[in-house]
């Protein structure tokens, strides 16, 4: 078998010939999966057309050039060895919007042109679509003062605030308060697994979406270690953030978000994207695996009991 730059070097038997390559692949199996419905070049063309327009757009406090510049960075390939770049650099910052963030990161990795159209149409007219997943921002959100909200707490760029806030604002159930883009809001971001699965189905990016998330019960270690990272599969994992804070960080693109108390501490409260299979370590009764969270890759070694207490299943989808 002949190797090339896009495929790890192997012998004719199919095994890796470079131990470092194998280690990199095992640490981040998703980055080696290049199955896509559109290209990053297609997405960049859409953003370039958007940047060239002179219209003000629908958002009273957002600037087209600023949004376009960030979109050009976000809607780009994330290469092995630089996994905090490109679409994987999407940040929720202090917004309690990990679920829309997980959705967009997974979607950009498979169909970046669809996300580019969503973002640019959303800026231009206040409504954007990813497949059949339609998002229309409320008048209150369109009129919100981005600078004022930024002064109240940690918010990422104008582009991320717009894309993430609009999803939460447009899809909130009747019993949650209206999302207005404020970093102080918490309940509006509750991470219900059935909602993420429904969003993913509506995008039409994935042919099959399976909700194995649990709101109040833990599926256990056998459920987690049975996960296989097939080509074309994306996996969002529902956890309590204590899973991260009580693990050893083996390797990371970025510093973990600091723990703080909130009402959500009584429930699973964070979505991450699984980047590798979850492997038991017999020497110390731990589990080793990689996740995407807070804008980058993180390799964790988690004690078994910590994992049992803080893992609440997955939503998986096949391209």
C-alpha atoms as a PDB file:
ATOM      1  CA  UNK A   1       0.000   0.000   0.000  1.00  0.00           C
ATOM      2  CA  UNK A   2       1.439   3.390  -0.940  1.00  0.00           C
ATOM      3  CA  UNK A   3       1.280   6.180   1.616  1.00  0.00           C
ATOM      4  CA  UNK A   4       0.551   9.844   0.946  1.00  0.00           C
ATOM      5  CA  UNK A   5       0.301  13.062   2.945  1.00  0.00           C
ATOM      6  CA  UNK A   6      -3.379  12.548   3.742  1.00  0.00           C
ATOM      7  CA  UNK A   7      -3.141   8.950   4.914  1.00  0.00           C
ATOM      8  CA  UNK A   8      -0.998   7.562   7.751  1.00  0.00           C
ATOM      9  CA  UNK A   9       1.919   5.415   6.570  1.00  0.00           C
ATOM     10  CA  UNK A  10       1.186   1.667   6.765  1.00  0.00           C
ATOM     11  CA  UNK A  11       2.639  -1.575   5.479  1.00  0.00           C
ATOM     12  CA  UNK A  12       0.792  -3.934   3.128  1.00  0.00           C
ATOM     13  CA  UNK A  13      -0.648  -5.654   6.190  1.00  0.00           C
ATOM     14  CA  UNK A  14      -2.519  -2.466   7.081  1.00  0.00           C
ATOM     15  CA  UNK A  15      -0.576  -1.641  10.259  1.00  0.00           C
ATOM     16  CA  UNK A  16       0.976   1.753  10.953  1.00  0.00           C
ATOM     17  CA  UNK A  17       4.746   1.799  10.382  1.00  0.00           C
ATOM     18  CA  UNK A  18       5.331   4.939  12.423  1.00  0.00           C
ATOM     19  CA  UNK A  19       4.542   4.675  16.133  1.00  0.00           C
ATOM     20  CA  UNK A  20       4.170   8.437  16.395  1.00  0.00           C
ATOM     21  CA  UNK A  21       1.621   8.452  13.571  1.00  0.00           C
ATOM     22  CA  UNK A  22      -0.338   5.698  15.252  1.00  0.00           C
ATOM     23  CA  UNK A  23      -0.298   7.590  18.545  1.00  0.00           C
ATOM     24  CA  UNK A  24      -1.517  10.772  16.863  1.00  0.00           C
ATOM     25  CA  UNK A  25      -4.309   8.865  15.150  1.00  0.00           C
ATOM     26  CA  UNK A  26      -5.422   7.159  18.375  1.00  0.00           C
ATOM     27  CA  UNK A  27      -5.428  10.515  20.180  1.00  0.00           C
ATOM     28  CA  UNK A  28      -7.671  12.103  17.543  1.00  0.00           C
ATOM     29  CA  UNK A  29      -9.385   9.583  15.283  1.00  0.00           C
ATOM     30  CA  UNK A  30     -11.927  12.134  14.043  1.00  0.00           C
ATOM     31  CA  UNK A  31      -9.325  14.386  12.400  1.00  0.00           C
ATOM     32  CA  UNK A  32      -8.336  11.544  10.060  1.00  0.00           C
ATOM     33  CA  UNK A  33     -11.945  11.158   8.877  1.00  0.00           C
ATOM     34  CA  UNK A  34     -12.334  13.288   5.755  1.00  0.00           C
ATOM     35  CA  UNK A  35     -15.852  12.304   4.654  1.00  0.00           C
ATOM     36  CA  UNK A  36     -17.698  15.536   3.818  1.00  0.00           C
ATOM     37  CA  UNK A  37     -20.755  16.779   1.939  1.00  0.00           C
ATOM     38  CA  UNK A  38     -19.095  20.025   0.832  1.00  0.00           C
ATOM     39  CA  UNK A  39     -15.611  21.532   0.897  1.00  0.00           C
ATOM     40  CA  UNK A  40     -13.994  24.257   2.948  1.00  0.00           C
ATOM     41  CA  UNK A  41     -13.212  26.002  -0.351  1.00  0.00           C
ATOM     42  CA  UNK A  42     -16.963  26.145  -1.101  1.00  0.00           C
ATOM     43  CA  UNK A  43     -17.568  27.658   2.329  1.00  0.00           C
ATOM     44  CA  UNK A  44     -14.835  30.272   1.929  1.00  0.00           C
ATOM     45  CA  UNK A  45     -16.332  31.372  -1.402  1.00  0.00           C
ATOM     46  CA  UNK A  46     -19.684  31.982   0.309  1.00  0.00           C
ATOM     47  CA  UNK A  47     -18.000  34.022   3.052  1.00  0.00           C
ATOM     48  CA  UNK A  48     -16.013  36.040   0.494  1.00  0.00           C
ATOM     49  CA  UNK A  49     -19.221  37.011  -1.344  1.00  0.00           C
ATOM     50  CA  UNK A  50     -20.753  37.943   1.999  1.00  0.00           C
ATOM     51  CA  UNK A  51     -17.770  40.148   2.918  1.00  0.00           C
ATOM     52  CA  UNK A  52     -18.019  42.038  -0.373  1.00  0.00           C
ATOM     53  CA  UNK A  53     -21.593  43.185   0.253  1.00  0.00           C
ATOM     54  CA  UNK A  54     -22.202  46.714   1.462  1.00  0.00           C
ATOM     55  CA  UNK A  55     -25.476  46.088   3.312  1.00  0.00           C
ATOM     56  CA  UNK A  56     -25.686  46.636   7.059  1.00  0.00           C
ATOM     57  CA  UNK A  57     -27.536  43.407   7.764  1.00  0.00           C
ATOM     58  CA  UNK A  58     -30.285  42.680  10.286  1.00  0.00           C
ATOM     59  CA  UNK A  59     -28.267  42.975  13.514  1.00  0.00           C
ATOM     60  CA  UNK A  60     -28.142  46.454  14.980  1.00  0.00           C
ATOM     61  CA  UNK A  61     -24.787  46.107  16.747  1.00  0.00           C
ATOM     62  CA  UNK A  62     -22.831  43.710  14.516  1.00  0.00           C
ATOM     63  CA  UNK A  63     -20.296  44.675  11.862  1.00  0.00           C
ATOM     64  CA  UNK A  64     -20.153  42.797   8.542  1.00  0.00           C
ATOM     65  CA  UNK A  65     -16.371  43.007   8.129  1.00  0.00           C
ATOM     66  CA  UNK A  66     -15.767  41.812  11.686  1.00  0.00           C
ATOM     67  CA  UNK A  67     -18.167  38.883  11.306  1.00  0.00           C
ATOM     68  CA  UNK A  68     -16.716  37.948   7.893  1.00  0.00           C
ATOM     69  CA  UNK A  69     -13.155  37.933   9.193  1.00  0.00           C
ATOM     70  CA  UNK A  70     -14.036  35.548  12.001  1.00  0.00           C
ATOM     71  CA  UNK A  71     -16.102  33.319   9.704  1.00  0.00           C
ATOM     72  CA  UNK A  72     -13.110  32.974   7.381  1.00  0.00           C
ATOM     73  CA  UNK A  73     -11.108  31.624  10.321  1.00  0.00           C
ATOM     74  CA  UNK A  74     -13.877  29.411  11.688  1.00  0.00           C
ATOM     75  CA  UNK A  75     -15.052  27.817   8.473  1.00  0.00           C
ATOM     76  CA  UNK A  76     -11.728  26.260   7.636  1.00  0.00           C
ATOM     77  CA  UNK A  77     -10.047  22.895   7.886  1.00  0.00           C
ATOM     78  CA  UNK A  78      -8.538  21.819  11.203  1.00  0.00           C
ATOM     79  CA  UNK A  79      -5.384  19.866  10.397  1.00  0.00           C
ATOM     80  CA  UNK A  80      -3.742  17.209  12.544  1.00  0.00           C
ATOM     81  CA  UNK A  81      -1.213  18.830  14.856  1.00  0.00           C
ATOM     82  CA  UNK A  82      -3.179  22.091  14.823  1.00  0.00           C
ATOM     83  CA  UNK A  83      -6.522  20.865  16.108  1.00  0.00           C
ATOM     84  CA  UNK A  84      -7.418  24.093  17.868  1.00  0.00           C
ATOM     85  CA  UNK A  85      -7.563  25.915  14.532  1.00  0.00           C
ATOM     86  CA  UNK A  86     -10.238  26.226  11.885  1.00  0.00           C
ATOM     87  CA  UNK A  87     -13.751  25.042  12.700  1.00  0.00           C
ATOM     88  CA  UNK A  88     -12.570  23.493  15.946  1.00  0.00           C
ATOM     89  CA  UNK A  89     -11.712  26.940  17.317  1.00  0.00           C
ATOM     90  CA  UNK A  90     -15.423  27.797  17.667  1.00  0.00           C
ATOM     91  CA  UNK A  91     -15.899  29.154  21.190  1.00  0.00           C
ATOM     92  CA  UNK A  92     -18.969  29.505  23.363  1.00  0.00           C
ATOM     93  CA  UNK A  93     -16.828  31.408  25.905  1.00  0.00           C
ATOM     94  CA  UNK A  94     -19.020  32.373  28.879  1.00  0.00           C
ATOM     95  CA  UNK A  95     -22.304  31.665  27.110  1.00  0.00           C
ATOM     96  CA  UNK A  96     -24.146  28.581  28.362  1.00  0.00           C
ATOM     97  CA  UNK A  97     -24.528  27.324  24.797  1.00  0.00           C
ATOM     98  CA  UNK A  98     -22.462  24.140  24.596  1.00  0.00           C
ATOM     99  CA  UNK A  99     -25.231  22.324  22.722  1.00  0.00           C
ATOM    100  CA  UNK A 100     -25.462  24.752  19.753  1.00  0.00           C
ATOM    101  CA  UNK A 101     -21.663  24.888  19.808  1.00  0.00           C
ATOM    102  CA  UNK A 102     -21.369  21.106  19.510  1.00  0.00           C
ATOM    103  CA  UNK A 103     -23.933  21.115  16.706  1.00  0.00           C
ATOM    104  CA  UNK A 104     -22.075  23.736  14.667  1.00  0.00           C
ATOM    105  CA  UNK A 105     -18.627  22.194  15.158  1.00  0.00           C
ATOM    106  CA  UNK A 106     -19.870  18.784  14.011  1.00  0.00           C
ATOM    107  CA  UNK A 107     -21.778  20.367  11.108  1.00  0.00           C
ATOM    108  CA  UNK A 108     -18.809  22.470   9.963  1.00  0.00           C
ATOM    109  CA  UNK A 109     -16.625  19.369   9.936  1.00  0.00           C
ATOM    110  CA  UNK A 110     -19.013  17.643   7.511  1.00  0.00           C
ATOM    111  CA  UNK A 111     -20.779  20.374   5.513  1.00  0.00           C
ATOM    112  CA  UNK A 112     -18.959  23.705   5.955  1.00  0.00           C
ATOM    113  CA  UNK A 113     -20.771  25.321   3.022  1.00  0.00           C
ATOM    114  CA  UNK A 114     -24.133  24.715   4.722  1.00  0.00           C
ATOM    115  CA  UNK A 115     -22.897  26.426   7.888  1.00  0.00           C
ATOM    116  CA  UNK A 116     -21.435  29.301   5.868  1.00  0.00           C
ATOM    117  CA  UNK A 117     -24.817  29.852   4.193  1.00  0.00           C
ATOM    118  CA  UNK A 118     -26.542  29.670   7.570  1.00  0.00           C
ATOM    119  CA  UNK A 119     -24.244  32.283   9.108  1.00  0.00           C
ATOM    120  CA  UNK A 120     -24.254  34.731   6.198  1.00  0.00           C
ATOM    121  CA  UNK A 121     -28.020  34.527   5.629  1.00  0.00           C
ATOM    122  CA  UNK A 122     -28.551  34.944   9.372  1.00  0.00           C
ATOM    123  CA  UNK A 123     -26.520  38.148   9.370  1.00  0.00           C
ATOM    124  CA  UNK A 124     -28.186  39.507   6.235  1.00  0.00           C
ATOM    125  CA  UNK A 125     -31.833  38.850   7.087  1.00  0.00           C
ATOM    126  CA  UNK A 126     -32.079  37.456  10.613  1.00  0.00           C
ATOM    127  CA  UNK A 127     -32.967  33.966   9.347  1.00  0.00           C
ATOM    128  CA  UNK A 128     -30.661  31.108   8.394  1.00  0.00           C
ATOM    129  CA  UNK A 129     -31.023  27.440   7.491  1.00  0.00           C
ATOM    130  CA  UNK A 130     -28.877  24.327   7.732  1.00  0.00           C
ATOM    131  CA  UNK A 131     -30.883  21.886   5.668  1.00  0.00           C
ATOM    132  CA  UNK A 132     -34.404  21.973   7.131  1.00  0.00           C
ATOM    133  CA  UNK A 133     -33.132  23.342  10.441  1.00  0.00           C
ATOM    134  CA  UNK A 134     -34.423  26.908  10.285  1.00  0.00           C
ATOM    135  CA  UNK A 135     -33.381  29.620  12.724  1.00  0.00           C
ATOM    136  CA  UNK A 136     -34.995  33.062  12.965  1.00  0.00           C
ATOM    137  CA  UNK A 137     -33.665  35.474  15.566  1.00  0.00           C
ATOM    138  CA  UNK A 138     -36.237  37.449  17.552  1.00  0.00           C
ATOM    139  CA  UNK A 139     -36.505  41.213  17.245  1.00  0.00           C
ATOM    140  CA  UNK A 140     -35.112  41.565  20.779  1.00  0.00           C
ATOM    141  CA  UNK A 141     -32.035  39.523  19.918  1.00  0.00           C
ATOM    142  CA  UNK A 142     -31.476  41.408  16.658  1.00  0.00           C
ATOM    143  CA  UNK A 143     -31.601  44.675  18.595  1.00  0.00           C
ATOM    144  CA  UNK A 144     -29.331  43.496  21.447  1.00  0.00           C
ATOM    145  CA  UNK A 145     -26.207  45.547  22.146  1.00  0.00           C
ATOM    146  CA  UNK A 146     -23.237  43.204  21.621  1.00  0.00           C
ATOM    147  CA  UNK A 147     -20.768  45.558  23.275  1.00  0.00           C
ATOM    148  CA  UNK A 148     -22.951  45.964  26.365  1.00  0.00           C
ATOM    149  CA  UNK A 149     -23.423  42.198  26.680  1.00  0.00           C
ATOM    150  CA  UNK A 150     -19.679  41.675  26.270  1.00  0.00           C
ATOM    151  CA  UNK A 151     -19.078  43.982  29.219  1.00  0.00           C
ATOM    152  CA  UNK A 152     -21.258  41.744  31.412  1.00  0.00           C
ATOM    153  CA  UNK A 153     -19.234  38.570  30.910  1.00  0.00           C
ATOM    154  CA  UNK A 154     -17.089  36.459  28.620  1.00  0.00           C
ATOM    155  CA  UNK A 155     -18.434  36.376  25.046  1.00  0.00           C
ATOM    156  CA  UNK A 156     -16.519  35.183  21.997  1.00  0.00           C
ATOM    157  CA  UNK A 157     -16.589  36.983  18.653  1.00  0.00           C
ATOM    158  CA  UNK A 158     -19.564  38.688  17.031  1.00  0.00           C
ATOM    159  CA  UNK A 159     -19.845  35.745  14.618  1.00  0.00           C
ATOM    160  CA  UNK A 160     -20.022  33.109  17.334  1.00  0.00           C
ATOM    161  CA  UNK A 161     -22.393  35.137  19.495  1.00  0.00           C
ATOM    162  CA  UNK A 162     -24.723  35.607  16.516  1.00  0.00           C
ATOM    163  CA  UNK A 163     -24.703  31.977  15.295  1.00  0.00           C
ATOM    164  CA  UNK A 164     -25.046  30.389  18.733  1.00  0.00           C
ATOM    165  CA  UNK A 165     -27.492  32.860  20.271  1.00  0.00           C
ATOM    166  CA  UNK A 166     -29.839  32.685  17.296  1.00  0.00           C
ATOM    167  CA  UNK A 167     -30.109  28.882  17.573  1.00  0.00           C
ATOM    168  CA  UNK A 168     -30.927  29.027  21.261  1.00  0.00           C
ATOM    169  CA  UNK A 169     -33.263  31.994  20.854  1.00  0.00           C
ATOM    170  CA  UNK A 170     -35.218  30.354  18.015  1.00  0.00           C
ATOM    171  CA  UNK A 171     -35.559  26.875  19.524  1.00  0.00           C
ATOM    172  CA  UNK A 172     -36.204  27.466  23.202  1.00  0.00           C
ATOM    173  CA  UNK A 173     -39.222  25.602  24.646  1.00  0.00           C
ATOM    174  CA  UNK A 174     -42.098  27.557  26.171  1.00  0.00           C
ATOM    175  CA  UNK A 175     -41.009  26.812  29.745  1.00  0.00           C
ATOM    176  CA  UNK A 176     -37.555  28.385  29.361  1.00  0.00           C
ATOM    177  CA  UNK A 177     -36.887  32.133  29.515  1.00  0.00           C
ATOM    178  CA  UNK A 178     -36.192  33.906  26.224  1.00  0.00           C
ATOM    179  CA  UNK A 179     -32.530  33.810  25.275  1.00  0.00           C
ATOM    180  CA  UNK A 180     -31.263  37.358  24.711  1.00  0.00           C
ATOM    181  CA  UNK A 181     -27.543  36.674  24.287  1.00  0.00           C
ATOM    182  CA  UNK A 182     -26.674  37.511  27.895  1.00  0.00           C
ATOM    183  CA  UNK A 183     -23.779  35.509  29.474  1.00  0.00           C
ATOM    184  CA  UNK A 184     -25.639  35.610  32.812  1.00  0.00           C
ATOM    185  CA  UNK A 185     -28.419  33.401  31.437  1.00  0.00           C
ATOM    186  CA  UNK A 186     -28.151  29.755  32.469  1.00  0.00           C
ATOM    187  CA  UNK A 187     -31.445  27.877  32.285  1.00  0.00           C
ATOM    188  CA  UNK A 188     -31.933  28.759  28.626  1.00  0.00           C
ATOM    189  CA  UNK A 189     -28.985  26.539  27.815  1.00  0.00           C
ATOM    190  CA  UNK A 190     -30.043  23.275  29.492  1.00  0.00           C
ATOM    191  CA  UNK A 191     -28.428  20.454  27.464  1.00  0.00           C
ATOM    192  CA  UNK A 192     -31.368  18.113  26.704  1.00  0.00           C
ATOM    193  CA  UNK A 193     -30.107  15.235  24.481  1.00  0.00           C
ATOM    194  CA  UNK A 194     -33.385  14.781  22.583  1.00  0.00           C
ATOM    195  CA  UNK A 195     -33.179  18.393  21.430  1.00  0.00           C
ATOM    196  CA  UNK A 196     -29.654  18.046  20.040  1.00  0.00           C
ATOM    197  CA  UNK A 197     -30.677  14.854  18.218  1.00  0.00           C
ATOM    198  CA  UNK A 198     -33.683  16.642  16.711  1.00  0.00           C
ATOM    199  CA  UNK A 199     -31.535  19.545  15.500  1.00  0.00           C
ATOM    200  CA  UNK A 200     -29.084  17.158  13.883  1.00  0.00           C
ATOM    201  CA  UNK A 201     -31.831  15.281  12.066  1.00  0.00           C
ATOM    202  CA  UNK A 202     -33.263  18.526  10.697  1.00  0.00           C
ATOM    203  CA  UNK A 203     -29.926  19.619   9.210  1.00  0.00           C
ATOM    204  CA  UNK A 204     -30.073  16.696   6.732  1.00  0.00           C
ATOM    205  CA  UNK A 205     -26.285  16.427   7.046  1.00  0.00           C
ATOM    206  CA  UNK A 206     -26.467  13.002   8.670  1.00  0.00           C
ATOM    207  CA  UNK A 207     -28.462  10.062   7.320  1.00  0.00           C
ATOM    208  CA  UNK A 208     -29.027   8.531  10.753  1.00  0.00           C
ATOM    209  CA  UNK A 209     -29.072  10.108  14.216  1.00  0.00           C
ATOM    210  CA  UNK A 210     -29.334   8.044  17.415  1.00  0.00           C
ATOM    211  CA  UNK A 211     -30.107   9.540  20.816  1.00  0.00           C
ATOM    212  CA  UNK A 212     -28.459   7.487  23.554  1.00  0.00           C
ATOM    213  CA  UNK A 213     -28.270  10.389  25.980  1.00  0.00           C
ATOM    214  CA  UNK A 214     -29.647  10.146  29.517  1.00  0.00           C
ATOM    215  CA  UNK A 215     -30.891  13.102  31.512  1.00  0.00           C
ATOM    216  CA  UNK A 216     -30.866  11.497  34.957  1.00  0.00           C
ATOM    217  CA  UNK A 217     -29.167   8.075  34.742  1.00  0.00           C
ATOM    218  CA  UNK A 218     -25.646   6.978  33.893  1.00  0.00           C
ATOM    219  CA  UNK A 219     -25.172   4.390  31.105  1.00  0.00           C
ATOM    220  CA  UNK A 220     -21.907   3.167  32.662  1.00  0.00           C
ATOM    221  CA  UNK A 221     -18.482   2.173  31.426  1.00  0.00           C
ATOM    222  CA  UNK A 222     -19.581  -0.754  29.173  1.00  0.00           C
ATOM    223  CA  UNK A 223     -21.719   1.669  27.165  1.00  0.00           C
ATOM    224  CA  UNK A 224     -18.774   4.044  26.702  1.00  0.00           C
ATOM    225  CA  UNK A 225     -16.130   1.455  25.860  1.00  0.00           C
ATOM    226  CA  UNK A 226     -18.403  -0.144  23.251  1.00  0.00           C
ATOM    227  CA  UNK A 227     -18.279   3.026  21.130  1.00  0.00           C
ATOM    228  CA  UNK A 228     -16.407   2.489  17.848  1.00  0.00           C
ATOM    229  CA  UNK A 229     -15.202   5.465  15.787  1.00  0.00           C
ATOM    230  CA  UNK A 230     -16.340   4.486  12.305  1.00  0.00           C
ATOM    231  CA  UNK A 231     -15.658   6.736   9.313  1.00  0.00           C
ATOM    232  CA  UNK A 232     -18.463   9.230   8.790  1.00  0.00           C
ATOM    233  CA  UNK A 233     -19.698   9.089  12.390  1.00  0.00           C
ATOM    234  CA  UNK A 234     -19.918  12.068  14.768  1.00  0.00           C
ATOM    235  CA  UNK A 235     -20.432  11.620  18.518  1.00  0.00           C
ATOM    236  CA  UNK A 236     -21.560  14.268  20.982  1.00  0.00           C
ATOM    237  CA  UNK A 237     -21.101  13.163  24.596  1.00  0.00           C
ATOM    238  CA  UNK A 238     -23.230  14.472  27.464  1.00  0.00           C
ATOM    239  CA  UNK A 239     -21.319  14.925  30.714  1.00  0.00           C
ATOM    240  CA  UNK A 240     -21.123  16.835  33.931  1.00  0.00           C
ATOM    241  CA  UNK A 241     -18.086  19.136  33.760  1.00  0.00           C
ATOM    242  CA  UNK A 242     -16.659  17.374  36.817  1.00  0.00           C
ATOM    243  CA  UNK A 243     -15.624  14.700  34.323  1.00  0.00           C
ATOM    244  CA  UNK A 244     -13.042  17.175  33.026  1.00  0.00           C
ATOM    245  CA  UNK A 245     -12.112  18.824  36.304  1.00  0.00           C
ATOM    246  CA  UNK A 246     -11.545  15.509  38.092  1.00  0.00           C
ATOM    247  CA  UNK A 247      -9.520  13.949  35.262  1.00  0.00           C
ATOM    248  CA  UNK A 248      -5.832  14.174  34.480  1.00  0.00           C
ATOM    249  CA  UNK A 249      -5.284  16.240  31.358  1.00  0.00           C
ATOM    250  CA  UNK A 250      -2.735  14.256  29.367  1.00  0.00           C
ATOM    251  CA  UNK A 251      -2.586  16.735  26.503  1.00  0.00           C
ATOM    252  CA  UNK A 252      -4.621  19.785  25.522  1.00  0.00           C
ATOM    253  CA  UNK A 253      -4.852  22.587  22.976  1.00  0.00           C
ATOM    254  CA  UNK A 254      -6.127  25.001  25.599  1.00  0.00           C
ATOM    255  CA  UNK A 255      -6.638  25.539  29.302  1.00  0.00           C
ATOM    256  CA  UNK A 256      -9.819  24.004  30.751  1.00  0.00           C
ATOM    257  CA  UNK A 257     -12.614  26.333  31.756  1.00  0.00           C
ATOM    258  CA  UNK A 258     -12.618  27.021  35.469  1.00  0.00           C
ATOM    259  CA  UNK A 259     -15.285  25.285  37.515  1.00  0.00           C
ATOM    260  CA  UNK A 260     -17.978  27.441  39.084  1.00  0.00           C
ATOM    261  CA  UNK A 261     -21.213  26.632  40.874  1.00  0.00           C
ATOM    262  CA  UNK A 262     -24.578  27.099  39.184  1.00  0.00           C
ATOM    263  CA  UNK A 263     -28.048  25.611  39.338  1.00  0.00           C
ATOM    264  CA  UNK A 264     -26.992  23.296  36.501  1.00  0.00           C
ATOM    265  CA  UNK A 265     -24.626  21.476  38.871  1.00  0.00           C
ATOM    266  CA  UNK A 266     -27.549  19.220  39.781  1.00  0.00           C
ATOM    267  CA  UNK A 267     -27.786  17.885  36.201  1.00  0.00           C
ATOM    268  CA  UNK A 268     -25.497  16.827  33.356  1.00  0.00           C
ATOM    269  CA  UNK A 269     -24.440  20.229  32.159  1.00  0.00           C
ATOM    270  CA  UNK A 270     -22.045  20.069  29.226  1.00  0.00           C
ATOM    271  CA  UNK A 271     -21.738  18.663  25.700  1.00  0.00           C
ATOM    272  CA  UNK A 272     -18.342  17.639  24.311  1.00  0.00           C
ATOM    273  CA  UNK A 273     -17.426  15.927  21.039  1.00  0.00           C
ATOM    274  CA  UNK A 274     -15.733  12.551  21.270  1.00  0.00           C
ATOM    275  CA  UNK A 275     -12.576  12.429  19.144  1.00  0.00           C
ATOM    276  CA  UNK A 276     -11.316   8.943  19.976  1.00  0.00           C
ATOM    277  CA  UNK A 277     -12.472   5.629  21.330  1.00  0.00           C
ATOM    278  CA  UNK A 278     -12.602   5.288  25.115  1.00  0.00           C
ATOM    279  CA  UNK A 279      -9.894   2.886  26.238  1.00  0.00           C
ATOM    280  CA  UNK A 280      -9.683   1.212  29.689  1.00  0.00           C
ATOM    281  CA  UNK A 281      -6.295   1.397  31.399  1.00  0.00           C
ATOM    282  CA  UNK A 282      -5.746  -1.697  33.543  1.00  0.00           C
ATOM    283  CA  UNK A 283      -2.714  -0.316  35.378  1.00  0.00           C
ATOM    284  CA  UNK A 284      -4.663   2.346  37.278  1.00  0.00           C
ATOM    285  CA  UNK A 285      -8.391   1.610  36.660  1.00  0.00           C
ATOM    286  CA  UNK A 286      -8.840   4.657  34.478  1.00  0.00           C
ATOM    287  CA  UNK A 287     -10.184   5.471  31.011  1.00  0.00           C
ATOM    288  CA  UNK A 288      -8.228   7.376  28.367  1.00  0.00           C
ATOM    289  CA  UNK A 289      -9.876   9.253  25.483  1.00  0.00           C
ATOM    290  CA  UNK A 290      -9.901  12.562  23.615  1.00  0.00           C
ATOM    291  CA  UNK A 291     -12.655  15.155  23.430  1.00  0.00           C
ATOM    292  CA  UNK A 292     -13.272  18.494  21.797  1.00  0.00           C
ATOM    293  CA  UNK A 293     -14.433  21.178  24.229  1.00  0.00           C
ATOM    294  CA  UNK A 294     -13.988  24.914  24.845  1.00  0.00           C
ATOM    295  CA  UNK A 295     -12.458  25.516  21.417  1.00  0.00           C
ATOM    296  CA  UNK A 296      -9.872  22.728  21.247  1.00  0.00           C
ATOM    297  CA  UNK A 297      -8.832  19.110  21.746  1.00  0.00           C
ATOM    298  CA  UNK A 298      -8.252  17.636  25.196  1.00  0.00           C
ATOM    299  CA  UNK A 299      -6.810  14.199  26.023  1.00  0.00           C
ATOM    300  CA  UNK A 300      -8.088  12.907  29.383  1.00  0.00           C
ATOM    301  CA  UNK A 301      -7.277  10.107  31.803  1.00  0.00           C
ATOM    302  CA  UNK A 302     -10.361   9.659  33.995  1.00  0.00           C
ATOM    303  CA  UNK A 303     -10.706   7.456  37.095  1.00  0.00           C
ATOM    304  CA  UNK A 304     -13.442   4.877  36.546  1.00  0.00           C
ATOM    305  CA  UNK A 305     -15.695   6.134  39.346  1.00  0.00           C
ATOM    306  CA  UNK A 306     -15.410   9.726  38.140  1.00  0.00           C
ATOM    307  CA  UNK A 307     -16.457   8.564  34.686  1.00  0.00           C
ATOM    308  CA  UNK A 308     -19.387   6.560  36.048  1.00  0.00           C
ATOM    309  CA  UNK A 309     -20.619   9.547  38.055  1.00  0.00           C
ATOM    310  CA  UNK A 310     -20.341  12.096  35.248  1.00  0.00           C
ATOM    311  CA  UNK A 311     -21.033  10.368  31.913  1.00  0.00           C
ATOM    312  CA  UNK A 312     -24.607  10.525  30.566  1.00  0.00           C
ATOM    313  CA  UNK A 313     -24.420   8.932  27.137  1.00  0.00           C
ATOM    314  CA  UNK A 314     -24.098  10.166  23.564  1.00  0.00           C
ATOM    315  CA  UNK A 315     -25.931  11.414  20.519  1.00  0.00           C
ATOM    316  CA  UNK A 316     -24.347   9.744  17.492  1.00  0.00           C
ATOM    317  CA  UNK A 317     -24.867  10.497  13.817  1.00  0.00           C
ATOM    318  CA  UNK A 318     -23.742   8.902  10.558  1.00  0.00           C
ATOM    319  CA  UNK A 319     -23.048  10.927   7.418  1.00  0.00           C
END
